[in-house]
Amino acid sequence: MTLQEQIINDIRQLPENVLQDLNGVVKRFLVLSSKEISTPKTLGVDTSDYSDFTQRFPLYGCAIDKIWMADDFDAPMEEMEEYM
């Protein structure tokens, strides 16, 4: 039995209300999986200057070392002493 057949057999055993929820999840998954990953072209960046532009735009972690937080960020503020 293939994985697809196993999944279909399991789905057939689900009650109607669960099938409705599952249908929503499957549709959302299909929408998300069909979306194109952000690339310079989809973001409207002119890539005509690049002869071999195959690198994707950075998404996660692209601001590393650009944002920092003070070591005493969570220390009490002098201005708020009268309220404490």
Protein backbone atom coordinates (compact mmCIF):
# COMPACT_ATOMS: atom_id res chain seq x y z
CA MET A 1 0.00 0.00 0.00
CA THR A 2 1.41 3.37 -1.00
CA LEU A 3 1.53 6.37 1.29
CA GLN A 4 -1.19 8.05 -0.76
CA GLU A 5 -3.47 5.03 -0.32
CA GLN A 6 -2.80 4.96 3.43
CA ILE A 7 -3.67 8.64 3.74
CA ILE A 8 -6.87 8.22 1.72
CA ASN A 9 -7.92 5.23 3.87
CA ASP A 10 -7.29 7.21 7.05
CA ILE A 11 -9.27 10.17 5.69
CA ARG A 12 -12.22 7.95 4.86
CA GLN A 13 -12.52 7.08 8.54
CA LEU A 14 -12.81 10.70 9.68
CA PRO A 15 -16.18 12.22 10.68
CA GLU A 16 -17.71 14.98 8.54
CA ASN A 17 -16.85 17.87 10.88
CA VAL A 18 -13.18 16.84 10.94
CA LEU A 19 -13.21 16.51 7.14
CA GLN A 20 -14.35 20.12 6.84
CA ASP A 21 -11.44 21.27 9.01
CA LEU A 22 -9.02 19.06 7.10
CA ASN A 23 -10.28 20.47 3.82
CA GLY A 24 -9.44 23.98 5.01
CA VAL A 25 -5.97 22.91 6.11
CA VAL A 26 -5.28 21.16 2.81
CA LYS A 27 -6.44 24.18 0.79
CA ARG A 28 -4.25 26.51 2.87
CA PHE A 29 -1.29 24.18 2.42
CA LEU A 30 -1.82 24.13 -1.34
CA VAL A 31 -1.93 27.92 -1.48
CA LEU A 32 1.22 28.27 0.59
CA SER A 33 3.13 25.62 -1.31
CA SER A 34 2.28 27.20 -4.65
CA LYS A 35 3.47 30.68 -3.70
CA GLU A 36 6.70 31.77 -5.28
CA ILE A 37 9.63 32.35 -2.97
CA SER A 38 10.73 35.98 -2.87
CA THR A 39 13.33 36.67 -5.50
CA PRO A 40 14.64 39.94 -6.87
CA LYS A 41 12.32 39.57 -9.86
CA THR A 42 9.19 39.03 -7.76
CA LEU A 43 10.21 41.96 -5.56
CA GLY A 44 10.56 44.25 -8.59
CA VAL A 45 14.35 44.54 -8.49
CA ASP A 46 15.99 45.28 -11.84
CA THR A 47 18.41 42.43 -12.47
CA SER A 48 19.49 43.50 -15.96
CA ASP A 49 22.89 44.50 -14.56
CA TYR A 50 23.57 40.93 -13.46
CA SER A 51 24.73 38.50 -16.13
CA ASP A 52 24.21 35.41 -13.96
CA PHE A 53 21.84 36.30 -11.15
CA THR A 54 20.82 33.05 -9.50
CA GLN A 55 21.15 33.92 -5.81
CA ARG A 56 17.88 34.45 -3.93
CA PHE A 57 17.27 37.47 -1.80
CA PRO A 58 17.98 36.78 1.87
CA LEU A 59 14.87 36.45 3.97
CA TYR A 60 15.57 35.18 7.45
CA GLY A 61 18.66 36.38 9.22
CA CYS A 62 19.35 39.21 6.78
CA ALA A 63 19.49 41.78 9.60
CA ILE A 64 22.06 39.94 11.73
CA ASP A 65 24.48 42.46 13.30
CA LYS A 66 22.36 45.37 12.08
CA ILE A 67 20.08 45.50 15.10
CA TRP A 68 21.41 45.52 18.62
CA MET A 69 20.05 45.89 22.11
CA ALA A 70 21.76 47.61 25.01
CA ASP A 71 23.13 45.35 27.73
CA ASP A 72 21.02 47.18 30.31
CA PHE A 73 17.83 47.08 28.22
CA ASP A 74 15.74 45.57 31.00
CA ALA A 75 17.31 47.61 33.79
CA PRO A 76 15.03 50.05 35.65
CA MET A 77 14.93 53.51 34.10
CA GLU A 78 15.89 56.48 36.27
CA GLU A 79 12.90 58.43 34.97
CA MET A 80 10.53 55.77 36.32
CA GLU A 81 11.95 55.55 39.85
CA GLU A 82 9.16 57.69 41.34
CA TYR A 83 6.55 55.22 40.04
CA MET A 84 8.22 52.15 41.52
